[in-house]
C-alpha atoms as a PDB file:
ATOM      1  CA  MET A   1     168.557  85.739 116.036  1.00  0.00           C
ATOM      2  CA  ILE A   2     167.821  87.192 112.445  1.00  0.00           C
ATOM      3  CA  LYS A   3     168.066  84.057 110.123  1.00  0.00           C
ATOM      4  CA  THR A   4     170.110  84.824 106.693  1.00  0.00           C
ATOM      5  CA  ASP A   5     168.917  84.319 103.240  1.00  0.00           C
ATOM      6  CA  SER A   6     171.446  84.568 101.256  1.00  0.00           C
ATOM      7  CA  ASN A   7     169.995  82.380  98.164  1.00  0.00           C
ATOM      8  CA  PHE A   8     167.273  84.293  98.458  1.00  0.00           C
ATOM      9  CA  ASN A   9     165.070  81.312  98.579  1.00  0.00           C
ATOM     10  CA  LEU A  10     162.640  82.936 100.834  1.00  0.00           C
ATOM     11  CA  LEU A  11     162.219  85.052  98.777  1.00  0.00           C
ATOM     12  CA  ASN A  12     161.545  83.933  95.966  1.00  0.00           C
ATOM     13  CA  SER A  13     159.296  81.519  97.367  1.00  0.00           C
ATOM     14  CA  ASN A  14     157.241  84.510  98.599  1.00  0.00           C
ATOM     15  CA  ILE A  15     157.194  86.326  95.196  1.00  0.00           C
ATOM     16  CA  ASN A  16     156.110  83.080  93.588  1.00  0.00           C
ATOM     17  CA  ASN A  17     153.083  82.884  96.163  1.00  0.00           C
ATOM     18  CA  LEU A  18     152.657  86.463  95.405  1.00  0.00           C
ATOM     19  CA  ILE A  19     152.081  86.275  91.756  1.00  0.00           C
ATOM     20  CA  LYS A  20     149.597  83.123  92.207  1.00  0.00           C
ATOM     21  CA  SER A  21     147.354  85.050  94.281  1.00  0.00           C
ATOM     22  CA  THR A  22     147.273  87.800  92.232  1.00  0.00           C
ATOM     23  CA  ILE A  23     146.354  85.864  89.202  1.00  0.00           C
ATOM     24  CA  TYR A  24     143.644  84.369  90.825  1.00  0.00           C
ATOM     25  CA  LEU A  25     142.181  87.077  92.990  1.00  0.00           C
ATOM     26  CA  ASN A  26     139.510  88.095  90.612  1.00  0.00           C
ATOM     27  CA  ARG A  27     139.372  85.094  88.518  1.00  0.00           C
ATOM     28  CA  ASN A  28     135.275  83.767  88.771  1.00  0.00           C
ATOM     29  CA  ILE A  29     134.658  80.304  89.562  1.00  0.00           C
ATOM     30  CA  GLU A  30     130.841  79.590  88.651  1.00  0.00           C
ATOM     31  CA  LYS A  31     130.277  76.054  89.515  1.00  0.00           C
ATOM     32  CA  CYS A  32     131.927  72.936  91.411  1.00  0.00           C
ATOM     33  CA  PRO A  33     134.912  71.460  88.907  1.00  0.00           C
ATOM     34  CA  THR A  34     133.958  67.976  89.917  1.00  0.00           C
ATOM     35  CA  CYS A  35     130.078  67.994  89.439  1.00  0.00           C
ATOM     36  CA  SER A  36     129.036  71.326  87.971  1.00  0.00           C
ATOM     37  CA  SER A  37     127.391  72.163  91.314  1.00  0.00           C
ATOM     38  CA  LYS A  38     126.528  75.984  91.582  1.00  0.00           C
ATOM     39  CA  HIS A  39     125.733  75.539  95.880  1.00  0.00           C
ATOM     40  CA  TYR A  40     129.554  75.854  97.044  1.00  0.00           C
ATOM     41  CA  ILE A  41     130.330  77.963 100.051  1.00  0.00           C
ATOM     42  CA  LYS A  42     134.106  79.602 101.049  1.00  0.00           C
ATOM     43  CA  TYR A  43     135.926  77.065 102.748  1.00  0.00           C
ATOM     44  CA  GLY A  44     139.341  79.065 103.929  1.00  0.00           C
ATOM     45  CA  SER A  45     142.256  80.230 102.125  1.00  0.00           C
ATOM     46  CA  PHE A  46     145.956  78.625 101.328  1.00  0.00           C
ATOM     47  CA  LYS A  47     148.498  80.994 100.721  1.00  0.00           C
ATOM     48  CA  GLY A  48     146.999  83.504  99.434  1.00  0.00           C
ATOM     49  CA  ILE A  49     144.218  81.376  97.017  1.00  0.00           C
ATOM     50  CA  GLN A  50     140.710  81.058  98.212  1.00  0.00           C
ATOM     51  CA  ARG A  51     139.123  77.827  98.531  1.00  0.00           C
ATOM     52  CA  TYR A  52     135.793  76.452  98.226  1.00  0.00           C
ATOM     53  CA  LYS A  53     133.569  73.309  99.538  1.00  0.00           C
ATOM     54  CA  CYS A  54     130.874  72.254  97.585  1.00  0.00           C
ATOM     55  CA  LYS A  55     127.556  71.342  98.823  1.00  0.00           C
ATOM     56  CA  GLU A  56     126.745  68.551  97.011  1.00  0.00           C
ATOM     57  CA  CYS A  57     129.613  66.197  96.179  1.00  0.00           C
ATOM     58  CA  ASP A  58     131.701  67.807  99.646  1.00  0.00           C
ATOM     59  CA  LYS A  59     134.851  68.309  97.454  1.00  0.00           C
ATOM     60  CA  THR A  60     137.018  70.994  97.861  1.00  0.00           C
ATOM     61  CA  PHE A  61     138.706  72.845  95.200  1.00  0.00           C
ATOM     62  CA  SER A  62     140.213  76.938  95.066  1.00  0.00           C
ATOM     63  CA  SER A  63     140.423  79.659  92.875  1.00  0.00           C
ATOM     64  CA  ALA A  64     142.940  77.858  90.678  1.00  0.00           C
ATOM     65  CA  SER A  65     141.573  74.622  90.189  1.00  0.00           C
ATOM     66  CA  ASN A  66     141.686  73.390  86.613  1.00  0.00           C
ATOM     67  CA  SER A  67     144.100  76.650  85.292  1.00  0.00           C
ATOM     68  CA  LEU A  68     146.888  75.774  83.513  1.00  0.00           C
ATOM     69  CA  TRP A  69     149.281  75.259  85.887  1.00  0.00           C
ATOM     70  CA  SER A  70     146.766  73.284  88.511  1.00  0.00           C
ATOM     71  CA  TYR A  71     148.571  70.929  90.444  1.00  0.00           C
ATOM     72  CA  SER A  72     151.966  71.685  89.724  1.00  0.00           C
ATOM     73  CA  LYS A  73     154.434  71.919  91.752  1.00  0.00           C
ATOM     74  CA  LYS A  74     156.730  74.357  89.686  1.00  0.00           C
ATOM     75  CA  ASP A  75     156.868  78.126  90.159  1.00  0.00           C
ATOM     76  CA  PRO A  76     154.403  80.215  88.042  1.00  0.00           C
ATOM     77  CA  ILE A  77     157.433  82.246  86.762  1.00  0.00           C
ATOM     78  CA  LYS A  78     158.737  78.686  85.086  1.00  0.00           C
ATOM     79  CA  TRP A  79     155.668  78.553  83.842  1.00  0.00           C
ATOM     80  CA  THR A  80     155.078  82.082  82.053  1.00  0.00           C
ATOM     81  CA  LYS A  81     159.131  81.715  80.336  1.00  0.00           C
ATOM     82  CA  PHE A  82     157.996  78.438  79.162  1.00  0.00           C
ATOM     83  CA  VAL A  83     154.707  79.900  77.800  1.00  0.00           C
ATOM     84  CA  GLU A  84     157.825  82.492  76.137  1.00  0.00           C
ATOM     85  CA  TYR A  85     159.651  79.574  74.617  1.00  0.00           C
ATOM     86  CA  VAL A  86     156.778  77.562  73.341  1.00  0.00           C
ATOM     87  CA  LEU A  87     155.560  80.536  71.140  1.00  0.00           C
ATOM     88  CA  GLU A  88     159.075  80.884  70.143  1.00  0.00           C
ATOM     89  CA  ARG A  89     159.369  77.611  69.067  1.00  0.00           C
ATOM     90  CA  LYS A  90     162.017  76.361  70.975  1.00  0.00           C
ATOM     91  CA  SER A  91     163.237  72.883  71.125  1.00  0.00           C
ATOM     92  CA  LEU A  92     161.742  70.612  74.358  1.00  0.00           C
ATOM     93  CA  ARG A  93     166.137  69.964  75.445  1.00  0.00           C
ATOM     94  CA  PHE A  94     166.419  73.711  75.280  1.00  0.00           C
ATOM     95  CA  CYS A  95     163.106  74.471  77.595  1.00  0.00           C
ATOM     96  CA  ALA A  96     164.264  71.228  80.001  1.00  0.00           C
ATOM     97  CA  GLU A  97     167.838  72.850  80.218  1.00  0.00           C
ATOM     98  CA  LYS A  98     167.052  76.459  80.454  1.00  0.00           C
ATOM     99  CA  LEU A  99     164.082  76.126  83.284  1.00  0.00           C
ATOM    100  CA  GLU A 100     165.962  72.895  84.801  1.00  0.00           C
ATOM    101  CA  ILE A 101     163.074  70.658  84.176  1.00  0.00           C
ATOM    102  CA  SER A 102     162.911  66.946  82.723  1.00  0.00           C
ATOM    103  CA  LEU A 103     162.393  66.134  78.921  1.00  0.00           C
ATOM    104  CA  VAL A 104     159.632  64.582  80.291  1.00  0.00           C
ATOM    105  CA  THR A 105     157.594  67.347  82.074  1.00  0.00           C
ATOM    106  CA  ALA A 106     158.953  69.971  79.393  1.00  0.00           C
ATOM    107  CA  PHE A 107     157.196  67.531  77.009  1.00  0.00           C
ATOM    108  CA  TYR A 108     154.020  67.728  79.173  1.00  0.00           C
ATOM    109  CA  TRP A 109     153.894  71.411  79.783  1.00  0.00           C
ATOM    110  CA  ARG A 110     154.326  72.144  75.609  1.00  0.00           C
ATOM    111  CA  HIS A 111     150.777  70.149  75.159  1.00  0.00           C
ATOM    112  CA  LYS A 112     148.980  71.500  77.968  1.00  0.00           C
ATOM    113  CA  VAL A 113     149.872  75.201  76.849  1.00  0.00           C
ATOM    114  CA  LEU A 114     148.629  74.016  73.161  1.00  0.00           C
ATOM    115  CA  HIS A 115     145.971  72.970  74.179  1.00  0.00           C
ATOM    116  CA  GLY A 116     144.810  76.113  75.921  1.00  0.00           C
ATOM    117  CA  LEU A 117     145.986  77.711  72.626  1.00  0.00           C
ATOM    118  CA  THR A 118     143.311  75.400  70.748  1.00  0.00           C
ATOM    119  CA  PHE A 119     140.259  77.993  72.683  1.00  0.00           C
ATOM    120  CA  ASP A 120     141.853  81.078  70.640  1.00  0.00           C
ATOM    121  CA  SER A 121     142.229  79.487  67.859  1.00  0.00           C
ATOM    122  CA  ILE A 122     139.004  79.314  66.148  1.00  0.00           C
ATOM    123  CA  PRO A 123     137.379  82.402  64.988  1.00  0.00           C
ATOM    124  CA  ALA A 124     133.501  84.010  65.889  1.00  0.00           C
ATOM    125  CA  LYS A 125     132.698  83.448  62.210  1.00  0.00           C
ATOM    126  CA  LEU A 126     134.240  83.980  58.222  1.00  0.00           C
ATOM    127  CA  SER A 127     132.308  86.120  56.345  1.00  0.00           C
ATOM    128  CA  GLY A 128     133.546  88.276  53.231  1.00  0.00           C
ATOM    129  CA  ASP A 129     135.026  86.000  50.747  1.00  0.00           C
ATOM    130  CA  VAL A 130     136.565  83.055  52.191  1.00  0.00           C
ATOM    131  CA  HIS A 131     139.318  81.361  50.527  1.00  0.00           C
ATOM    132  CA  ILE A 132     139.745  77.435  51.187  1.00  0.00           C
ATOM    133  CA  ALA A 133     142.721  75.308  50.711  1.00  0.00           C
ATOM    134  CA  LYS A 134     143.705  71.713  51.939  1.00  0.00           C
ATOM    135  CA  LYS A 135     147.103  69.781  52.593  1.00  0.00           C
ATOM    136  CA  LEU A 136     147.512  65.970  52.702  1.00  0.00           C
ATOM    137  CA  ILE A 137     150.100  65.144  55.467  1.00  0.00           C
ATOM    138  CA  LEU A 138     151.328  61.487  55.588  1.00  0.00           C
ATOM    139  CA  GLU A 139     150.258  60.184  58.902  1.00  0.00           C
ATOM    140  CA  ASN A 140     152.809  60.071  61.263  1.00  0.00           C
ATOM    141  CA  PHE A 141     153.390  57.801  64.532  1.00  0.00           C
ATOM    142  CA  LYS A 142     156.416  59.555  66.028  1.00  0.00           C
ATOM    143  CA  GLY A 143     156.732  58.689  69.904  1.00  0.00           C
ATOM    144  CA  CYS A 144     154.242  55.865  69.480  1.00  0.00           C
ATOM    145  CA  ARG A 145     155.960  52.441  70.826  1.00  0.00           C
ATOM    146  CA  ASN A 146     155.058  49.261  69.240  1.00  0.00           C
ATOM    147  CA  ILE A 147     154.127  50.577  66.054  1.00  0.00           C
ATOM    148  CA  ILE A 148     154.682  49.273  63.021  1.00  0.00           C
ATOM    149  CA  PRO A 149     151.970  50.245  59.914  1.00  0.00           C
ATOM    150  CA  SER A 150     151.753  48.414  57.115  1.00  0.00           C
ATOM    151  CA  VAL A 151     150.515  51.630  55.388  1.00  0.00           C
ATOM    152  CA  ARG A 152     150.322  55.677  56.236  1.00  0.00           C
ATOM    153  CA  HIS A 153     147.255  57.026  55.353  1.00  0.00           C
ATOM    154  CA  ASN A 154     146.608  60.956  54.610  1.00  0.00           C
ATOM    155  CA  ILE A 155     145.199  63.213  57.079  1.00  0.00           C
ATOM    156  CA  TRP A 156     143.451  66.411  55.300  1.00  0.00           C
ATOM    157  CA  VAL A 157     144.262  69.321  56.788  1.00  0.00           C
ATOM    158  CA  VAL A 158     141.914  72.209  55.776  1.00  0.00           C
ATOM    159  CA  ALA A 159     142.668  75.913  56.076  1.00  0.00           C
ATOM    160  CA  ALA A 160     140.275  79.042  55.220  1.00  0.00           C
ATOM    161  CA  LYS A 161     140.989  82.832  55.391  1.00  0.00           C
ATOM    162  CA  ASP A 162     138.395  85.650  55.436  1.00  0.00           C
ATOM    163  CA  TYR A 163     138.694  89.272  54.114  1.00  0.00           C
ATOM    164  CA  ASP A 164     139.220  90.338  58.181  1.00  0.00           C
ATOM    165  CA  ASP A 165     142.023  87.977  58.216  1.00  0.00           C
ATOM    166  CA  SER A 166     140.325  85.055  60.884  1.00  0.00           C
ATOM    167  CA  ILE A 167     141.544  81.956  59.687  1.00  0.00           C
ATOM    168  CA  ILE A 168     141.239  78.590  60.822  1.00  0.00           C
ATOM    169  CA  VAL A 169     143.113  75.422  60.168  1.00  0.00           C
ATOM    170  CA  LYS A 170     142.142  72.047  60.932  1.00  0.00           C
ATOM    171  CA  PRO A 171     143.037  67.671  60.458  1.00  0.00           C
ATOM    172  CA  ILE A 172     139.032  66.921  59.612  1.00  0.00           C
ATOM    173  CA  SER A 173     139.737  63.627  58.006  1.00  0.00           C
ATOM    174  CA  ARG A 174     141.783  60.559  57.301  1.00  0.00           C
ATOM    175  CA  CYS A 175     142.369  58.568  54.068  1.00  0.00           C
ATOM    176  CA  HIS A 176     139.858  60.191  52.685  1.00  0.00           C
ATOM    177  CA  TRP A 177     137.544  63.512  52.227  1.00  0.00           C
ATOM    178  CA  HIS A 178     134.474  63.315  54.648  1.00  0.00           C
ATOM    179  CA  LEU A 179     132.033  65.976  54.096  1.00  0.00           C
ATOM    180  CA  PRO A 180     130.278  65.848  57.094  1.00  0.00           C
ATOM    181  CA  SER A 181     133.347  66.184  59.248  1.00  0.00           C
ATOM    182  CA  PHE A 182     134.149  69.142  56.764  1.00  0.00           C
ATOM    183  CA  ASN A 183     131.378  71.054  58.023  1.00  0.00           C
ATOM    184  CA  GLN A 184     131.137  70.308  61.106  1.00  0.00           C
ATOM    185  CA  LYS A 185     134.586  71.549  62.171  1.00  0.00           C
ATOM    186  CA  ILE A 186     134.845  74.528  59.043  1.00  0.00           C
ATOM    187  CA  TYR A 187     131.385  75.393  57.349  1.00  0.00           C
ATOM    188  CA  TYR A 188     129.883  75.728  60.412  1.00  0.00           C
ATOM    189  CA  LEU A 189     131.902  79.095  60.886  1.00  0.00           C
ATOM    190  CA  ILE A 190     131.266  80.557  57.065  1.00  0.00           C
ATOM    191  CA  GLU A 191     128.172  82.874  56.908  1.00  0.00           C
ATOM    192  CA  LYS A 192     125.560  82.071  54.230  1.00  0.00           C
ATOM    193  CA  GLU A 193     126.173  85.732  52.117  1.00  0.00           C
ATOM    194  CA  THR A 194     130.096  84.649  52.010  1.00  0.00           C
ATOM    195  CA  TYR A 195     131.483  84.169  48.626  1.00  0.00           C
ATOM    196  CA  ILE A 196     133.723  80.962  48.610  1.00  0.00           C
ATOM    197  CA  VAL A 197     137.101  80.676  46.848  1.00  0.00           C
ATOM    198  CA  PRO A 198     138.464  77.274  46.396  1.00  0.00           C
ATOM    199  CA  TYR A 199     142.320  76.084  45.692  1.00  0.00           C
ATOM    200  CA  GLY A 200     143.406  73.619  43.545  1.00  0.00           C
ATOM    201  CA  ASP A 201     140.938  70.797  44.954  1.00  0.00           C
ATOM    202  CA  ARG A 202     137.687  69.243  43.467  1.00  0.00           C
ATOM    203  CA  TYR A 203     136.004  68.433  46.742  1.00  0.00           C
ATOM    204  CA  ILE A 204     136.477  71.863  48.379  1.00  0.00           C
ATOM    205  CA  SER A 205     135.668  73.196  44.833  1.00  0.00           C
ATOM    206  CA  LEU A 206     131.957  71.448  45.026  1.00  0.00           C
ATOM    207  CA  VAL A 207     131.194  73.008  48.156  1.00  0.00           C
ATOM    208  CA  ALA A 208     132.032  76.047  46.662  1.00  0.00           C
ATOM    209  CA  LYS A 209     129.670  75.275  43.798  1.00  0.00           C
ATOM    210  CA  ALA A 210     126.823  74.421  46.086  1.00  0.00           C
ATOM    211  CA  HIS A 211     126.936  77.528  48.663  1.00  0.00           C
ATOM    212  CA  ASN A 212     128.040  79.966  45.930  1.00  0.00           C
ATOM    213  CA  LYS A 213     124.691  79.014  44.185  1.00  0.00           C
ATOM    214  CA  LYS A 214     125.655  79.759  40.345  1.00  0.00           C
ATOM    215  CA  ARG A 215     126.914  83.394  41.617  1.00  0.00           C
ATOM    216  CA  ILE A 216     130.215  84.257  39.709  1.00  0.00           C
ATOM    217  CA  LYS A 217     132.563  87.114  41.107  1.00  0.00           C
ATOM    218  CA  GLU A 218     135.873  88.239  40.233  1.00  0.00           C
ATOM    219  CA  VAL A 219     138.311  87.596  43.509  1.00  0.00           C
ATOM    220  CA  GLN A 220     142.051  88.278  44.378  1.00  0.00           C
ATOM    221  CA  SER A 221     143.657  85.371  45.239  1.00  0.00           C
ATOM    222  CA  ASP A 222     144.799  85.594  48.590  1.00  0.00           C
ATOM    223  CA  LYS A 223     148.559  84.851  48.789  1.00  0.00           C
ATOM    224  CA  LEU A 224     148.429  82.761  52.097  1.00  0.00           C
ATOM    225  CA  ILE A 225     146.037  80.697  51.500  1.00  0.00           C
ATOM    226  CA  TRP A 226     147.340  80.295  47.762  1.00  0.00           C
ATOM    227  CA  SER A 227     150.766  79.049  49.314  1.00  0.00           C
ATOM    228  CA  PHE A 228     149.434  77.275  52.413  1.00  0.00           C
ATOM    229  CA  GLN A 229     150.633  74.089  51.442  1.00  0.00           C
ATOM    230  CA  ILE A 230     154.300  75.297  51.057  1.00  0.00           C
ATOM    231  CA  ILE A 231     153.980  77.334  54.164  1.00  0.00           C
ATOM    232  CA  ILE A 232     152.814  74.514  56.687  1.00  0.00           C
ATOM    233  CA  GLU A 233     155.316  71.567  55.413  1.00  0.00           C
ATOM    234  CA  LYS A 234     158.446  74.600  56.545  1.00  0.00           C
ATOM    235  CA  TRP A 235     156.573  75.077  59.367  1.00  0.00           C
ATOM    236  CA  LEU A 236     156.140  71.422  60.927  1.00  0.00           C
ATOM    237  CA  LYS A 237     159.907  70.783  59.845  1.00  0.00           C
ATOM    238  CA  LYS A 238     160.772  72.685  62.682  1.00  0.00           C
ATOM    239  CA  TYR A 239     159.867  69.799  64.734  1.00  0.00           C
ATOM    240  CA  HIS A 240     161.226  67.479  62.700  1.00  0.00           C
ATOM    241  CA  GLY A 241     157.711  65.379  62.508  1.00  0.00           C
ATOM    242  CA  VAL A 242     154.731  66.024  64.275  1.00  0.00           C
ATOM    243  CA  ALA A 243     153.071  63.012  65.858  1.00  0.00           C
ATOM    244  CA  SER A 244     149.290  62.783  64.124  1.00  0.00           C
ATOM    245  CA  LYS A 245     147.216  62.114  67.723  1.00  0.00           C
ATOM    246  CA  TYR A 246     149.033  66.169  68.689  1.00  0.00           C
ATOM    247  CA  LEU A 247     148.642  67.703  64.638  1.00  0.00           C
ATOM    248  CA  GLU A 248     145.408  69.687  65.727  1.00  0.00           C
ATOM    249  CA  LYS A 249     146.825  71.078  68.802  1.00  0.00           C
ATOM    250  CA  TYR A 250     150.291  72.209  66.802  1.00  0.00           C
ATOM    251  CA  LEU A 251     147.547  73.534  64.260  1.00  0.00           C
ATOM    252  CA  SER A 252     146.943  76.457  67.077  1.00  0.00           C
ATOM    253  CA  LEU A 253     149.816  77.776  67.458  1.00  0.00           C
ATOM    254  CA  PHE A 254     150.844  77.577  63.832  1.00  0.00           C
ATOM    255  CA  ILE A 255     147.153  79.433  63.273  1.00  0.00           C
ATOM    256  CA  LEU A 256     149.117  82.424  65.757  1.00  0.00           C
ATOM    257  CA  PHE A 257     152.212  82.329  63.296  1.00  0.00           C
ATOM    258  CA  LEU A 258     150.145  82.497  60.394  1.00  0.00           C
ATOM    259  CA  THR A 259     148.325  85.552  61.602  1.00  0.00           C
ATOM    260  CA  LYS A 260     151.626  87.411  62.092  1.00  0.00           C
ATOM    261  CA  LYS A 261     150.110  88.835  65.321  1.00  0.00           C
ATOM    262  CA  GLU A 262     151.777  90.602  67.653  1.00  0.00           C
ATOM    263  CA  ILE A 263     151.226  88.453  71.220  1.00  0.00           C
ATOM    264  CA  ASN A 264     152.581  89.433  74.982  1.00  0.00           C
ATOM    265  CA  TYR A 265     153.446  86.587  76.280  1.00  0.00           C
ATOM    266  CA  MET A 266     152.859  87.909  80.048  1.00  0.00           C
ATOM    267  CA  ASP A 267     149.057  88.498  78.850  1.00  0.00           C
ATOM    268  CA  LEU A 268     149.294  85.085  77.180  1.00  0.00           C
ATOM    269  CA  SER A 269     150.328  83.168  80.188  1.00  0.00           C
ATOM    270  CA  LYS A 270     147.954  85.346  82.672  1.00  0.00           C
ATOM    271  CA  ARG A 271     144.709  84.051  80.187  1.00  0.00           C
ATOM    272  CA  LEU A 272     145.994  80.811  80.066  1.00  0.00           C
ATOM    273  CA  CYS A 273     145.888  80.649  83.745  1.00  0.00           C
ATOM    274  CA  ILE A 274     143.042  82.653  84.569  1.00  0.00           C
ATOM    275  CA  GLU A 275     140.393  80.310  81.979  1.00  0.00           C
ATOM    276  CA  PHE A 276     139.770  76.962  82.615  1.00  0.00           C
ATOM    277  CA  ARG A 277     141.957  75.128  80.131  1.00  0.00           C
ATOM    278  CA  PHE A 278     143.233  72.557  82.050  1.00  0.00           C
ATOM    279  CA  LEU A 279     144.392  68.929  80.588  1.00  0.00           C
ATOM    280  CA  LYS A 280     145.143  65.812  82.199  1.00  0.00           C
ATOM    281  CA  ILE A 281     147.840  63.971  81.247  1.00  0.00           C
ATOM    282  CA  ARG A 282     146.355  61.003  80.242  1.00  0.00           C
ATOM    283  CA  ASP A 283     144.156  62.867  78.382  1.00  0.00           C
ATOM    284  CA  ILE A 284     147.503  64.315  75.818  1.00  0.00           C
ATOM    285  CA  GLY A 285     147.300  62.778  72.650  1.00  0.00           C
ATOM    286  CA  LYS A 286     143.877  61.131  73.031  1.00  0.00           C
ATOM    287  CA  VAL A 287     142.324  60.917  69.052  1.00  0.00           C
ATOM    288  CA  ASN A 288     139.832  58.336  67.284  1.00  0.00           C
ATOM    289  CA  TYR A 289     138.901  57.296  64.168  1.00  0.00           C
ATOM    290  CA  LYS A 290     135.443  56.420  63.031  1.00  0.00           C
ATOM    291  CA  SER A 291     135.511  53.688  60.519  1.00  0.00           C
ATOM    292  CA  THR A 292     134.818  56.546  57.960  1.00  0.00           C
ATOM    293  CA  GLY A 293     138.469  57.828  58.552  1.00  0.00           C
ATOM    294  CA  VAL A 294     137.026  61.330  60.722  1.00  0.00           C
ATOM    295  CA  LEU A 295     138.630  62.745  63.444  1.00  0.00           C
ATOM    296  CA  LEU A 296     136.919  63.017  66.577  1.00  0.00           C
END
């Protein structure tokens, strides 16, 4: 007797398995995700995905380990559509309704995607004339329970852009300007031969003065950095406020918005899956402050 499949559930299941096995077919596994050992052997396969066993810790893993949707039981098609919705800045409620997932799942998925984007948001270097500006964003505790702060401090967000339109935007400190944090997150990308153009901040002007070494150069102002404070304020309004502990991840998406590059969500989704960009749910929103107010 031939079994019917009027709802195409079996077909959809096979399509999803085929998509997964195709994506992970050429994924390069260099080490064990548990102990980082390079001594492992092939250990069969499951639904077309190669599995491995580590000789050091005896743990098993697969070609799909530590990818964007590791341990997810949802279809890869839903993940791909969700990446598109994130790029379009759709609300979590919209994503949940369209993909038939819970609001909590949509929240976790968004932060997994944003975490994956942070790897692409840092340029290799900043060269030529580098324009730097800052924006003070009031500390936000959206979503935090049992927090009644008496004072909300400012988060220092710094943007730097070079002649080649490479951009980096990072929160560097809380409450006060902190030069070591700026050096660690922004300045290390700036080449020695560059000329720094500061915008409306005395601390950045001091950095520029020390870097430029008394050089004076006629540089046309950059419209994007000149209006950076207005642009980022309008962009964040779309989300009705972003909690400070998630701010850096949202800024990785903001950089894509600033560069205005055409992005193929299919290619982006595949890259997020192939590369090792997995984020555990318990690590979402982890942010620590030193006594100096430095963001870690």
